[in-house]
Amino acid sequence: MIVEHIEFIVEEPSAKAFLDGLLGRLLSTVSYAIYPFQCKDELLKRLPDRLRGYSTWLPATFRIVVVVDRDDNDCEKLKAKLEQFAQNAGLATRNRRDQNRFVVVNRIVIEELEAWYFGDWQAVRAAYPRVPATVPNKAQFRDPDGIKGGTWEAFERVLQRAGYFKTGLRKIEAARAIVPYLEPSRNRSQSFQIFWNAVLELDAVPVD
């Protein structure tokens, strides 16, 4: 048997728009469904019950991937909380396996989804041609996961200076515009690469 289906749980509709565009282009063997919450707080509040529900019916060939923004949380503490939710539901995680088997993969975006856009600036420029090509060369943007002062705010400012989103960043619209051009292999965001490598492992991974 192989993994046949992945359930993605994300914290907001823009993350669903992003993953829909990415997974629809690049997954080869598995089916998937994406379930967004309206915010991170809602996801963290409702995730324990959702995982307990999964534990009552999830087939052996299904996996669950939880994707949450770090924001200003401590990364290790946030990851530990997600791992504990799964453990309490009786579901083994990729980090806490049961006889080398797991059901849940927890992944954290550092610090927000827009860091993954900064990681592939070529994709951003394909969607929004007026943004400067030199943005990734500036000190504050060289590490997409290390941008200070809020990643989505920084992304909004760059686009607004180029004449886009003058009334404010529309996150779902931006996700849908950028993701068709995004190429995982060139993305400089480490948190994106960690997420994407986990997804690729599930795409055709054998199940004992």
N, C-alpha and C. Protein backbone atom coordinates (compact mmCIF):
# COMPACT_ATOMS: atom_id res chain seq x y z
N MET A 1 0.84 -1.20 0.00
CA MET A 1 0.00 0.00 0.00
C MET A 1 0.87 1.25 0.00
N ILE A 2 0.31 2.33 -0.49
CA ILE A 2 0.97 3.63 -0.40
C ILE A 2 -0.01 4.63 0.23
N VAL A 3 0.52 5.78 0.62
CA VAL A 3 -0.35 6.86 1.07
C VAL A 3 -1.23 7.30 -0.09
N GLU A 4 -2.53 7.31 0.13
CA GLU A 4 -3.47 7.62 -0.94
C GLU A 4 -4.10 9.00 -0.81
N HIS A 5 -4.10 9.54 0.40
CA HIS A 5 -4.84 10.79 0.61
C HIS A 5 -4.22 11.56 1.77
N ILE A 6 -4.15 12.89 1.64
CA ILE A 6 -3.65 13.76 2.70
C ILE A 6 -4.72 14.78 3.05
N GLU A 7 -4.99 14.91 4.34
CA GLU A 7 -5.88 15.95 4.86
C GLU A 7 -5.00 17.09 5.37
N PHE A 8 -5.10 18.26 4.75
CA PHE A 8 -4.35 19.43 5.19
C PHE A 8 -5.25 20.30 6.05
N ILE A 9 -4.75 20.71 7.20
CA ILE A 9 -5.47 21.61 8.11
C ILE A 9 -4.65 22.89 8.21
N VAL A 10 -5.24 24.01 7.82
CA VAL A 10 -4.53 25.29 7.78
C VAL A 10 -5.31 26.34 8.54
N GLU A 11 -4.63 27.44 8.85
CA GLU A 11 -5.24 28.40 9.77
C GLU A 11 -6.07 29.49 9.11
N GLU A 12 -5.98 29.64 7.77
CA GLU A 12 -6.75 30.72 7.16
C GLU A 12 -6.99 30.42 5.68
N PRO A 13 -7.99 31.07 5.09
CA PRO A 13 -8.33 30.81 3.68
C PRO A 13 -7.21 31.10 2.70
N SER A 14 -6.33 32.07 2.97
CA SER A 14 -5.24 32.35 2.03
C SER A 14 -4.27 31.17 1.95
N ALA A 15 -4.07 30.47 3.07
CA ALA A 15 -3.22 29.28 3.04
C ALA A 15 -3.86 28.18 2.20
N LYS A 16 -5.17 28.07 2.27
CA LYS A 16 -5.86 27.09 1.42
C LYS A 16 -5.69 27.45 -0.05
N ALA A 17 -5.83 28.74 -0.39
CA ALA A 17 -5.66 29.17 -1.78
C ALA A 17 -4.25 28.85 -2.27
N PHE A 18 -3.28 29.09 -1.42
CA PHE A 18 -1.88 28.81 -1.77
C PHE A 18 -1.68 27.32 -2.02
N LEU A 19 -2.14 26.48 -1.08
CA LEU A 19 -1.91 25.05 -1.22
C LEU A 19 -2.70 24.45 -2.37
N ASP A 20 -3.91 24.94 -2.58
CA ASP A 20 -4.70 24.45 -3.72
C ASP A 20 -3.93 24.61 -5.02
N GLY A 21 -3.34 25.78 -5.21
CA GLY A 21 -2.60 26.03 -6.43
C GLY A 21 -1.32 25.23 -6.52
N LEU A 22 -0.64 25.07 -5.40
CA LEU A 22 0.64 24.35 -5.39
C LEU A 22 0.43 22.85 -5.54
N LEU A 23 -0.44 22.29 -4.72
CA LEU A 23 -0.62 20.84 -4.71
C LEU A 23 -1.28 20.35 -5.99
N GLY A 24 -2.21 21.15 -6.49
CA GLY A 24 -2.89 20.76 -7.72
C GLY A 24 -1.94 20.62 -8.89
N ARG A 25 -0.86 21.40 -8.87
CA ARG A 25 0.14 21.33 -9.96
C ARG A 25 1.16 20.22 -9.75
N LEU A 26 1.51 19.94 -8.48
CA LEU A 26 2.75 19.21 -8.24
C LEU A 26 2.61 17.85 -7.56
N LEU A 27 1.51 17.56 -6.92
CA LEU A 27 1.36 16.22 -6.36
C LEU A 27 1.09 15.22 -7.47
N SER A 28 1.68 14.04 -7.35
CA SER A 28 1.60 13.09 -8.46
C SER A 28 0.68 11.91 -8.21
N THR A 29 0.63 11.41 -6.98
CA THR A 29 -0.10 10.17 -6.76
C THR A 29 -1.23 10.27 -5.74
N VAL A 30 -1.16 11.22 -4.83
CA VAL A 30 -2.13 11.24 -3.74
C VAL A 30 -3.25 12.26 -4.02
N SER A 31 -4.41 11.96 -3.48
CA SER A 31 -5.48 12.97 -3.45
C SER A 31 -5.32 13.78 -2.17
N TYR A 32 -6.03 14.89 -2.10
CA TYR A 32 -5.91 15.73 -0.90
C TYR A 32 -7.17 16.54 -0.70
N ALA A 33 -7.35 17.01 0.52
CA ALA A 33 -8.40 17.97 0.87
C ALA A 33 -7.77 18.97 1.82
N ILE A 34 -8.24 20.22 1.74
CA ILE A 34 -7.68 21.29 2.57
C ILE A 34 -8.82 21.91 3.38
N TYR A 35 -8.62 22.00 4.68
CA TYR A 35 -9.65 22.54 5.57
C TYR A 35 -9.10 23.77 6.29
N PRO A 36 -9.56 24.96 5.92
CA PRO A 36 -9.05 26.18 6.56
C PRO A 36 -9.92 26.61 7.74
N PHE A 37 -9.28 27.16 8.74
CA PHE A 37 -9.98 27.89 9.77
C PHE A 37 -9.93 29.37 9.40
N GLN A 38 -10.52 30.21 10.23
CA GLN A 38 -10.53 31.64 9.96
C GLN A 38 -9.33 32.35 10.57
N CYS A 39 -8.67 31.70 11.52
CA CYS A 39 -7.49 32.31 12.14
C CYS A 39 -6.74 31.23 12.92
N LYS A 40 -5.56 31.57 13.36
CA LYS A 40 -4.73 30.64 14.11
C LYS A 40 -5.36 30.26 15.44
N ASP A 41 -5.92 31.25 16.14
CA ASP A 41 -6.53 30.95 17.44
C ASP A 41 -7.64 29.92 17.30
N GLU A 42 -8.45 30.05 16.25
CA GLU A 42 -9.53 29.09 16.04
C GLU A 42 -8.96 27.69 15.77
N LEU A 43 -7.91 27.62 14.96
CA LEU A 43 -7.31 26.31 14.68
C LEU A 43 -6.81 25.67 15.97
N LEU A 44 -6.06 26.42 16.77
CA LEU A 44 -5.51 25.84 17.99
C LEU A 44 -6.61 25.44 18.98
N LYS A 45 -7.72 26.15 18.96
CA LYS A 45 -8.82 25.82 19.86
C LYS A 45 -9.55 24.55 19.42
N ARG A 46 -9.73 24.40 18.12
CA ARG A 46 -10.57 23.31 17.62
C ARG A 46 -9.79 22.08 17.16
N LEU A 47 -8.48 22.22 16.99
CA LEU A 47 -7.68 21.10 16.49
C LEU A 47 -7.75 19.85 17.37
N PRO A 48 -7.70 19.96 18.71
CA PRO A 48 -7.75 18.73 19.52
C PRO A 48 -8.99 17.89 19.24
N ASP A 49 -10.16 18.52 19.16
CA ASP A 49 -11.38 17.77 18.88
C ASP A 49 -11.36 17.19 17.47
N ARG A 50 -10.83 17.95 16.54
CA ARG A 50 -10.77 17.45 15.16
C ARG A 50 -9.88 16.21 15.07
N LEU A 51 -8.74 16.25 15.73
CA LEU A 51 -7.85 15.09 15.71
C LEU A 51 -8.48 13.89 16.40
N ARG A 52 -9.19 14.11 17.48
CA ARG A 52 -9.89 12.99 18.13
C ARG A 52 -10.93 12.40 17.19
N GLY A 53 -11.59 13.26 16.41
CA GLY A 53 -12.54 12.75 15.43
C GLY A 53 -11.85 11.90 14.37
N TYR A 54 -10.71 12.38 13.88
CA TYR A 54 -9.96 11.60 12.89
C TYR A 54 -9.59 10.23 13.43
N SER A 55 -9.24 10.17 14.70
CA SER A 55 -8.75 8.92 15.28
C SER A 55 -9.80 7.82 15.25
N THR A 56 -11.07 8.17 15.07
CA THR A 56 -12.14 7.18 15.08
C THR A 56 -12.41 6.56 13.71
N TRP A 57 -11.87 7.19 12.65
CA TRP A 57 -12.24 6.66 11.32
C TRP A 57 -11.14 6.69 10.28
N LEU A 58 -10.02 7.34 10.54
CA LEU A 58 -9.03 7.58 9.49
C LEU A 58 -8.46 6.27 8.95
N PRO A 59 -8.55 6.04 7.64
CA PRO A 59 -7.97 4.82 7.05
C PRO A 59 -6.45 4.80 7.18
N ALA A 60 -5.88 3.62 7.09
CA ALA A 60 -4.44 3.46 7.24
C ALA A 60 -3.65 4.16 6.15
N THR A 61 -4.28 4.42 5.01
CA THR A 61 -3.57 5.05 3.88
C THR A 61 -3.74 6.56 3.85
N PHE A 62 -4.34 7.15 4.89
CA PHE A 62 -4.52 8.60 4.98
C PHE A 62 -3.48 9.20 5.92
N ARG A 63 -3.12 10.44 5.64
CA ARG A 63 -2.26 11.19 6.53
C ARG A 63 -2.85 12.58 6.75
N ILE A 64 -2.40 13.24 7.81
CA ILE A 64 -2.86 14.58 8.18
C ILE A 64 -1.65 15.49 8.25
N VAL A 65 -1.73 16.66 7.60
CA VAL A 65 -0.67 17.66 7.68
C VAL A 65 -1.27 18.95 8.25
N VAL A 66 -0.75 19.38 9.38
CA VAL A 66 -1.20 20.61 10.03
C VAL A 66 -0.17 21.70 9.75
N VAL A 67 -0.64 22.85 9.23
CA VAL A 67 0.25 23.95 8.87
C VAL A 67 -0.18 25.20 9.64
N VAL A 68 0.72 25.73 10.45
CA VAL A 68 0.40 26.87 11.31
C VAL A 68 1.52 27.90 11.20
N ASP A 69 1.16 29.18 11.16
CA ASP A 69 2.15 30.25 11.20
C ASP A 69 2.77 30.35 12.59
N ARG A 70 4.07 30.61 12.62
CA ARG A 70 4.70 30.84 13.92
C ARG A 70 4.28 32.18 14.49
N ASP A 71 4.16 33.20 13.65
CA ASP A 71 3.92 34.57 14.11
C ASP A 71 5.00 34.93 15.13
N ASP A 72 4.60 35.38 16.31
CA ASP A 72 5.60 35.73 17.32
C ASP A 72 5.70 34.69 18.43
N ASN A 73 5.18 33.50 18.17
CA ASN A 73 5.27 32.43 19.16
C ASN A 73 6.68 31.83 19.18
N ASP A 74 7.00 31.20 20.29
CA ASP A 74 8.21 30.40 20.37
C ASP A 74 8.00 29.14 19.52
N CYS A 75 8.87 28.91 18.54
CA CYS A 75 8.67 27.83 17.58
C CYS A 75 8.62 26.47 18.26
N GLU A 76 9.55 26.22 19.18
CA GLU A 76 9.60 24.92 19.83
C GLU A 76 8.37 24.68 20.70
N LYS A 77 7.91 25.70 21.38
CA LYS A 77 6.72 25.54 22.23
C LYS A 77 5.47 25.32 21.38
N LEU A 78 5.37 26.03 20.26
CA LEU A 78 4.22 25.85 19.38
C LEU A 78 4.22 24.45 18.79
N LYS A 79 5.39 23.99 18.34
CA LYS A 79 5.49 22.63 17.79
C LYS A 79 5.14 21.59 18.86
N ALA A 80 5.61 21.80 20.08
CA ALA A 80 5.31 20.86 21.16
C ALA A 80 3.81 20.80 21.43
N LYS A 81 3.14 21.94 21.34
CA LYS A 81 1.69 21.96 21.56
C LYS A 81 0.97 21.14 20.49
N LEU A 82 1.38 21.32 19.24
CA LEU A 82 0.76 20.56 18.16
C LEU A 82 1.03 19.06 18.32
N GLU A 83 2.25 18.72 18.70
CA GLU A 83 2.59 17.31 18.90
C GLU A 83 1.75 16.72 20.03
N GLN A 84 1.53 17.49 21.09
CA GLN A 84 0.76 17.00 22.22
C GLN A 84 -0.70 16.80 21.84
N PHE A 85 -1.25 17.70 21.02
CA PHE A 85 -2.63 17.52 20.55
C PHE A 85 -2.79 16.16 19.87
N ALA A 86 -1.85 15.83 19.00
CA ALA A 86 -1.93 14.56 18.28
C ALA A 86 -1.78 13.37 19.24
N GLN A 87 -0.82 13.49 20.14
CA GLN A 87 -0.60 12.40 21.09
C GLN A 87 -1.84 12.16 21.95
N ASN A 88 -2.48 13.25 22.39
CA ASN A 88 -3.69 13.12 23.20
C ASN A 88 -4.82 12.44 22.43
N ALA A 89 -4.80 12.59 21.11
CA ALA A 89 -5.83 11.97 20.27
C ALA A 89 -5.46 10.54 19.88
N GLY A 90 -4.29 10.09 20.32
CA GLY A 90 -3.86 8.74 19.99
C GLY A 90 -3.30 8.59 18.59
N LEU A 91 -2.80 9.69 18.02
CA LEU A 91 -2.28 9.68 16.66
C LEU A 91 -0.77 9.92 16.70
N ALA A 92 -0.01 9.01 16.15
CA ALA A 92 1.44 9.16 16.10
C ALA A 92 1.82 10.25 15.10
N THR A 93 2.86 11.00 15.42
CA THR A 93 3.32 12.06 14.54
C THR A 93 4.65 11.66 13.89
N ARG A 94 5.03 12.45 12.91
CA ARG A 94 6.30 12.19 12.22
C ARG A 94 7.47 12.27 13.19
N ASN A 95 7.36 13.13 14.21
CA ASN A 95 8.42 13.28 15.20
C ASN A 95 8.31 12.27 16.34
N ARG A 96 7.11 11.77 16.58
CA ARG A 96 6.87 10.80 17.65
C ARG A 96 6.18 9.59 17.04
N ARG A 97 6.96 8.74 16.43
CA ARG A 97 6.41 7.63 15.67
C ARG A 97 6.06 6.45 16.57
N ASP A 98 5.16 5.62 16.06
CA ASP A 98 4.77 4.38 16.73
C ASP A 98 5.25 3.23 15.85
N GLN A 99 6.35 2.59 16.28
CA GLN A 99 6.96 1.52 15.49
C GLN A 99 7.25 2.00 14.05
N ASN A 100 7.79 3.20 13.99
CA ASN A 100 8.19 3.85 12.73
C ASN A 100 7.00 4.22 11.85
N ARG A 101 5.83 4.22 12.39
CA ARG A 101 4.64 4.65 11.65
C ARG A 101 4.14 5.97 12.22
N PHE A 102 3.52 6.78 11.36
CA PHE A 102 2.95 8.04 11.83
C PHE A 102 1.75 8.41 10.99
N VAL A 103 0.91 9.26 11.56
CA VAL A 103 -0.31 9.72 10.90
C VAL A 103 -0.26 11.23 10.66
N VAL A 104 0.28 11.98 11.61
CA VAL A 104 0.22 13.44 11.59
C VAL A 104 1.60 14.03 11.32
N VAL A 105 1.64 15.04 10.45
CA VAL A 105 2.83 15.84 10.23
C VAL A 105 2.51 17.27 10.62
N ASN A 106 3.22 17.83 11.57
CA ASN A 106 3.04 19.22 12.00
C ASN A 106 4.13 20.08 11.39
N ARG A 107 3.72 21.15 10.72
CA ARG A 107 4.68 22.04 10.09
C ARG A 107 4.35 23.49 10.42
N ILE A 108 5.41 24.28 10.69
CA ILE A 108 5.25 25.67 11.11
C ILE A 108 5.85 26.58 10.05
N VAL A 109 5.07 27.57 9.64
CA VAL A 109 5.53 28.59 8.70
C VAL A 109 6.23 29.68 9.49
N ILE A 110 7.47 29.98 9.14
CA ILE A 110 8.24 31.01 9.87
C ILE A 110 8.43 32.23 8.98
N GLU A 111 7.85 33.40 9.36
CA GLU A 111 6.91 33.45 10.45
C GLU A 111 5.46 33.46 9.97
N GLU A 112 5.29 33.78 8.68
CA GLU A 112 3.96 33.80 8.07
C GLU A 112 4.07 33.35 6.62
N LEU A 113 2.91 33.07 6.01
CA LEU A 113 2.88 32.56 4.64
C LEU A 113 3.66 33.44 3.68
N GLU A 114 3.63 34.74 3.91
CA GLU A 114 4.31 35.66 2.98
C GLU A 114 5.82 35.44 2.93
N ALA A 115 6.40 34.81 3.95
CA ALA A 115 7.82 34.46 3.91
C ALA A 115 8.10 33.52 2.74
N TRP A 116 7.13 32.66 2.42
CA TRP A 116 7.31 31.73 1.31
C TRP A 116 7.26 32.47 -0.03
N TYR A 117 6.59 33.62 -0.06
CA TYR A 117 6.62 34.44 -1.28
C TYR A 117 7.99 35.13 -1.43
N PHE A 118 8.47 35.68 -0.33
CA PHE A 118 9.81 36.28 -0.37
C PHE A 118 10.85 35.23 -0.78
N GLY A 119 10.60 33.97 -0.46
CA GLY A 119 11.53 32.91 -0.80
C GLY A 119 11.62 32.62 -2.28
N ASP A 120 10.58 32.96 -3.03
CA ASP A 120 10.61 32.77 -4.48
C ASP A 120 10.18 34.09 -5.13
N TRP A 121 11.10 35.03 -5.12
CA TRP A 121 10.78 36.38 -5.62
C TRP A 121 10.51 36.37 -7.12
N GLN A 122 11.07 35.41 -7.81
CA GLN A 122 10.80 35.29 -9.24
C GLN A 122 9.32 35.03 -9.49
N ALA A 123 8.71 34.23 -8.64
CA ALA A 123 7.28 33.98 -8.76
C ALA A 123 6.47 35.24 -8.47
N VAL A 124 6.90 36.00 -7.46
CA VAL A 124 6.21 37.25 -7.14
C VAL A 124 6.28 38.21 -8.31
N ARG A 125 7.45 38.33 -8.92
CA ARG A 125 7.62 39.26 -10.05
C ARG A 125 6.84 38.81 -11.29
N ALA A 126 6.64 37.50 -11.44
CA ALA A 126 5.83 37.02 -12.54
C ALA A 126 4.37 37.44 -12.36
N ALA A 127 3.91 37.46 -11.11
CA ALA A 127 2.54 37.87 -10.83
C ALA A 127 2.40 39.39 -10.77
N TYR A 128 3.44 40.07 -10.27
CA TYR A 128 3.40 41.52 -10.07
C TYR A 128 4.68 42.13 -10.65
N PRO A 129 4.72 42.35 -11.94
CA PRO A 129 5.97 42.70 -12.64
C PRO A 129 6.63 44.01 -12.20
N ARG A 130 5.88 44.90 -11.56
CA ARG A 130 6.48 46.19 -11.19
C ARG A 130 7.30 46.12 -9.90
N VAL A 131 7.24 45.04 -9.16
CA VAL A 131 8.05 44.98 -7.94
C VAL A 131 9.53 44.85 -8.32
N PRO A 132 10.43 45.47 -7.58
CA PRO A 132 11.85 45.45 -7.95
C PRO A 132 12.45 44.05 -7.88
N ALA A 133 13.29 43.74 -8.84
CA ALA A 133 14.00 42.45 -8.84
C ALA A 133 15.03 42.39 -7.73
N THR A 134 15.44 43.54 -7.21
CA THR A 134 16.53 43.61 -6.23
C THR A 134 16.09 43.36 -4.79
N VAL A 135 14.80 43.16 -4.56
CA VAL A 135 14.32 43.01 -3.19
C VAL A 135 15.07 41.92 -2.42
N PRO A 136 15.29 40.71 -2.98
CA PRO A 136 15.98 39.67 -2.20
C PRO A 136 17.43 40.02 -1.86
N ASN A 137 18.00 41.02 -2.53
CA ASN A 137 19.39 41.41 -2.25
C ASN A 137 19.50 42.35 -1.06
N LYS A 138 18.39 42.91 -0.62
CA LYS A 138 18.43 43.83 0.51
C LYS A 138 18.58 43.05 1.81
N ALA A 139 19.32 43.63 2.73
CA ALA A 139 19.69 42.91 3.95
C ALA A 139 18.46 42.38 4.70
N GLN A 140 17.40 43.19 4.77
CA GLN A 140 16.24 42.78 5.57
C GLN A 140 15.44 41.66 4.93
N PHE A 141 15.71 41.35 3.66
CA PHE A 141 14.93 40.34 2.96
C PHE A 141 15.76 39.13 2.52
N ARG A 142 17.04 39.11 2.84
CA ARG A 142 17.89 38.01 2.36
C ARG A 142 17.48 36.67 2.95
N ASP A 143 17.04 36.68 4.20
CA ASP A 143 16.54 35.45 4.84
C ASP A 143 15.03 35.57 4.93
N PRO A 144 14.28 34.90 4.08
CA PRO A 144 12.82 35.05 4.10
C PRO A 144 12.19 34.71 5.44
N ASP A 145 12.82 33.79 6.19
CA ASP A 145 12.26 33.40 7.49
C ASP A 145 12.72 34.32 8.62
N GLY A 146 13.57 35.29 8.31
CA GLY A 146 14.11 36.16 9.35
C GLY A 146 13.69 37.61 9.22
N ILE A 147 12.67 37.88 8.42
CA ILE A 147 12.22 39.26 8.22
C ILE A 147 11.60 39.79 9.51
N LYS A 148 12.02 40.95 9.93
CA LYS A 148 11.57 41.52 11.19
C LYS A 148 10.34 42.41 10.99
N GLY A 149 9.53 42.47 12.04
CA GLY A 149 8.41 43.41 12.06
C GLY A 149 7.16 42.96 11.34
N GLY A 150 7.03 41.67 11.09
CA GLY A 150 5.84 41.16 10.45
C GLY A 150 6.04 40.92 8.97
N THR A 151 5.96 39.65 8.55
CA THR A 151 6.27 39.33 7.16
C THR A 151 5.20 39.83 6.20
N TRP A 152 3.94 39.66 6.59
CA TRP A 152 2.90 40.09 5.65
C TRP A 152 2.89 41.61 5.53
N GLU A 153 3.20 42.31 6.62
CA GLU A 153 3.26 43.76 6.54
C GLU A 153 4.40 44.20 5.61
N ALA A 154 5.55 43.53 5.71
CA ALA A 154 6.68 43.85 4.82
C ALA A 154 6.32 43.57 3.37
N PHE A 155 5.65 42.45 3.14
CA PHE A 155 5.24 42.10 1.78
C PHE A 155 4.25 43.13 1.23
N GLU A 156 3.32 43.54 2.07
CA GLU A 156 2.35 44.56 1.65
C GLU A 156 3.04 45.85 1.28
N ARG A 157 4.01 46.28 2.09
CA ARG A 157 4.71 47.54 1.81
C ARG A 157 5.44 47.49 0.48
N VAL A 158 6.12 46.38 0.21
CA VAL A 158 6.86 46.26 -1.05
C VAL A 158 5.91 46.34 -2.24
N LEU A 159 4.78 45.64 -2.15
CA LEU A 159 3.83 45.67 -3.26
C LEU A 159 3.16 47.04 -3.40
N GLN A 160 2.88 47.68 -2.29
CA GLN A 160 2.24 49.00 -2.36
C GLN A 160 3.18 50.03 -2.99
N ARG A 161 4.46 49.95 -2.68
CA ARG A 161 5.41 50.88 -3.28
C ARG A 161 5.50 50.70 -4.80
N ALA A 162 5.16 49.49 -5.25
CA ALA A 162 5.16 49.21 -6.69
C ALA A 162 3.80 49.49 -7.33
N GLY A 163 2.85 50.00 -6.53
CA GLY A 163 1.54 50.38 -7.07
C GLY A 163 0.46 49.34 -6.96
N TYR A 164 0.70 48.27 -6.19
CA TYR A 164 -0.30 47.21 -6.01
C TYR A 164 -0.94 47.31 -4.62
N PHE A 165 -2.17 46.88 -4.52
CA PHE A 165 -2.87 46.76 -3.24
C PHE A 165 -2.82 48.05 -2.43
N LYS A 166 -3.16 49.15 -3.05
CA LYS A 166 -3.08 50.45 -2.37
C LYS A 166 -4.03 50.54 -1.18
N THR A 167 -5.10 49.77 -1.20
CA THR A 167 -6.05 49.79 -0.07
C THR A 167 -5.79 48.65 0.92
N GLY A 168 -4.69 47.93 0.75
CA GLY A 168 -4.34 46.85 1.66
C GLY A 168 -4.22 45.51 0.94
N LEU A 169 -3.30 44.70 1.43
CA LEU A 169 -3.04 43.40 0.83
C LEU A 169 -4.26 42.49 0.92
N ARG A 170 -4.67 41.96 -0.22
CA ARG A 170 -5.74 40.97 -0.26
C ARG A 170 -5.08 39.60 -0.37
N LYS A 171 -5.03 38.91 0.75
CA LYS A 171 -4.18 37.73 0.87
C LYS A 171 -4.59 36.59 -0.05
N ILE A 172 -5.87 36.34 -0.16
CA ILE A 172 -6.32 35.24 -1.02
C ILE A 172 -6.00 35.54 -2.47
N GLU A 173 -6.25 36.77 -2.88
CA GLU A 173 -5.95 37.18 -4.25
C GLU A 173 -4.46 37.04 -4.54
N ALA A 174 -3.62 37.46 -3.60
CA ALA A 174 -2.17 37.37 -3.81
C ALA A 174 -1.73 35.91 -3.91
N ALA A 175 -2.27 35.07 -3.06
CA ALA A 175 -1.90 33.65 -3.10
C ALA A 175 -2.23 33.05 -4.46
N ARG A 176 -3.42 33.34 -4.94
CA ARG A 176 -3.84 32.76 -6.23
C ARG A 176 -3.02 33.32 -7.39
N ALA A 177 -2.55 34.54 -7.26
CA ALA A 177 -1.76 35.14 -8.34
C ALA A 177 -0.34 34.61 -8.37
N ILE A 178 0.25 34.36 -7.21
CA ILE A 178 1.67 34.00 -7.12
C ILE A 178 1.92 32.52 -7.31
N VAL A 179 1.07 31.68 -6.73
CA VAL A 179 1.40 30.26 -6.65
C VAL A 179 1.52 29.56 -8.01
N PRO A 180 0.86 29.98 -9.07
CA PRO A 180 1.09 29.29 -10.35
C PRO A 180 2.53 29.39 -10.84
N TYR A 181 3.26 30.39 -10.36
CA TYR A 181 4.65 30.60 -10.81
C TYR A 181 5.68 30.06 -9.82
N LEU A 182 5.24 29.62 -8.67
CA LEU A 182 6.17 29.22 -7.62
C LEU A 182 6.79 27.86 -7.94
N GLU A 183 8.10 27.79 -7.80
CA GLU A 183 8.85 26.54 -8.03
C GLU A 183 9.52 26.14 -6.71
N PRO A 184 9.10 25.05 -6.10
CA PRO A 184 9.65 24.68 -4.80
C PRO A 184 11.17 24.57 -4.75
N SER A 185 11.79 24.08 -5.80
CA SER A 185 13.23 23.84 -5.76
C SER A 185 14.05 25.11 -5.60
N ARG A 186 13.51 26.26 -5.98
CA ARG A 186 14.28 27.49 -5.87
C ARG A 186 13.87 28.35 -4.67
N ASN A 187 12.93 27.87 -3.88
CA ASN A 187 12.45 28.67 -2.76
C ASN A 187 13.49 28.74 -1.65
N ARG A 188 13.86 29.95 -1.24
CA ARG A 188 14.93 30.16 -0.26
C ARG A 188 14.45 30.09 1.17
N SER A 189 13.16 29.93 1.39
CA SER A 189 12.64 29.83 2.76
C SER A 189 12.88 28.42 3.30
N GLN A 190 13.61 28.34 4.39
CA GLN A 190 13.89 27.04 4.98
C GLN A 190 12.61 26.38 5.48
N SER A 191 11.69 27.18 6.05
CA SER A 191 10.45 26.58 6.54
C SER A 191 9.61 26.03 5.40
N PHE A 192 9.67 26.68 4.22
CA PHE A 192 8.98 26.11 3.07
C PHE A 192 9.61 24.79 2.67
N GLN A 193 10.93 24.73 2.61
CA GLN A 193 11.59 23.51 2.20
C GLN A 193 11.30 22.36 3.16
N ILE A 194 11.25 22.64 4.44
CA ILE A 194 10.92 21.60 5.43
C ILE A 194 9.49 21.11 5.21
N PHE A 195 8.57 22.03 4.99
CA PHE A 195 7.19 21.66 4.69
C PHE A 195 7.12 20.83 3.42
N TRP A 196 7.75 21.33 2.34
CA TRP A 196 7.61 20.68 1.05
C TRP A 196 8.26 19.30 1.02
N ASN A 197 9.39 19.14 1.70
CA ASN A 197 10.03 17.83 1.77
C ASN A 197 9.13 16.82 2.47
N ALA A 198 8.42 17.26 3.49
CA ALA A 198 7.49 16.36 4.18
C ALA A 198 6.36 15.94 3.25
N VAL A 199 5.85 16.89 2.46
CA VAL A 199 4.78 16.55 1.51
C VAL A 199 5.29 15.56 0.47
N LEU A 200 6.48 15.79 -0.05
CA LEU A 200 7.02 14.88 -1.06
C LEU A 200 7.22 13.48 -0.50
N GLU A 201 7.59 13.39 0.76
CA GLU A 201 7.75 12.08 1.38
C GLU A 201 6.42 11.31 1.41
N LEU A 202 5.32 12.04 1.57
CA LEU A 202 4.02 11.40 1.62
C LEU A 202 3.49 11.04 0.23
N ASP A 203 3.99 11.72 -0.78
CA ASP A 203 3.53 11.49 -2.14
C ASP A 203 4.19 10.21 -2.67
N ALA A 204 3.50 9.10 -2.46
CA ALA A 204 3.96 7.78 -2.88
C ALA A 204 4.81 7.07 -1.84
N VAL A 205 4.73 7.47 -0.59
CA VAL A 205 5.49 6.76 0.45
C VAL A 205 4.81 5.42 0.74
N PRO A 206 5.58 4.32 0.89
CA PRO A 206 4.97 3.03 1.22
C PRO A 206 4.36 3.01 2.61
N VAL A 207 3.29 2.28 2.76
CA VAL A 207 2.65 2.07 4.05
C VAL A 207 2.77 0.58 4.40
N ASP A 208 3.34 0.25 5.57
CA ASP A 208 3.50 -1.16 5.95
C ASP A 208 2.15 -1.81 6.22
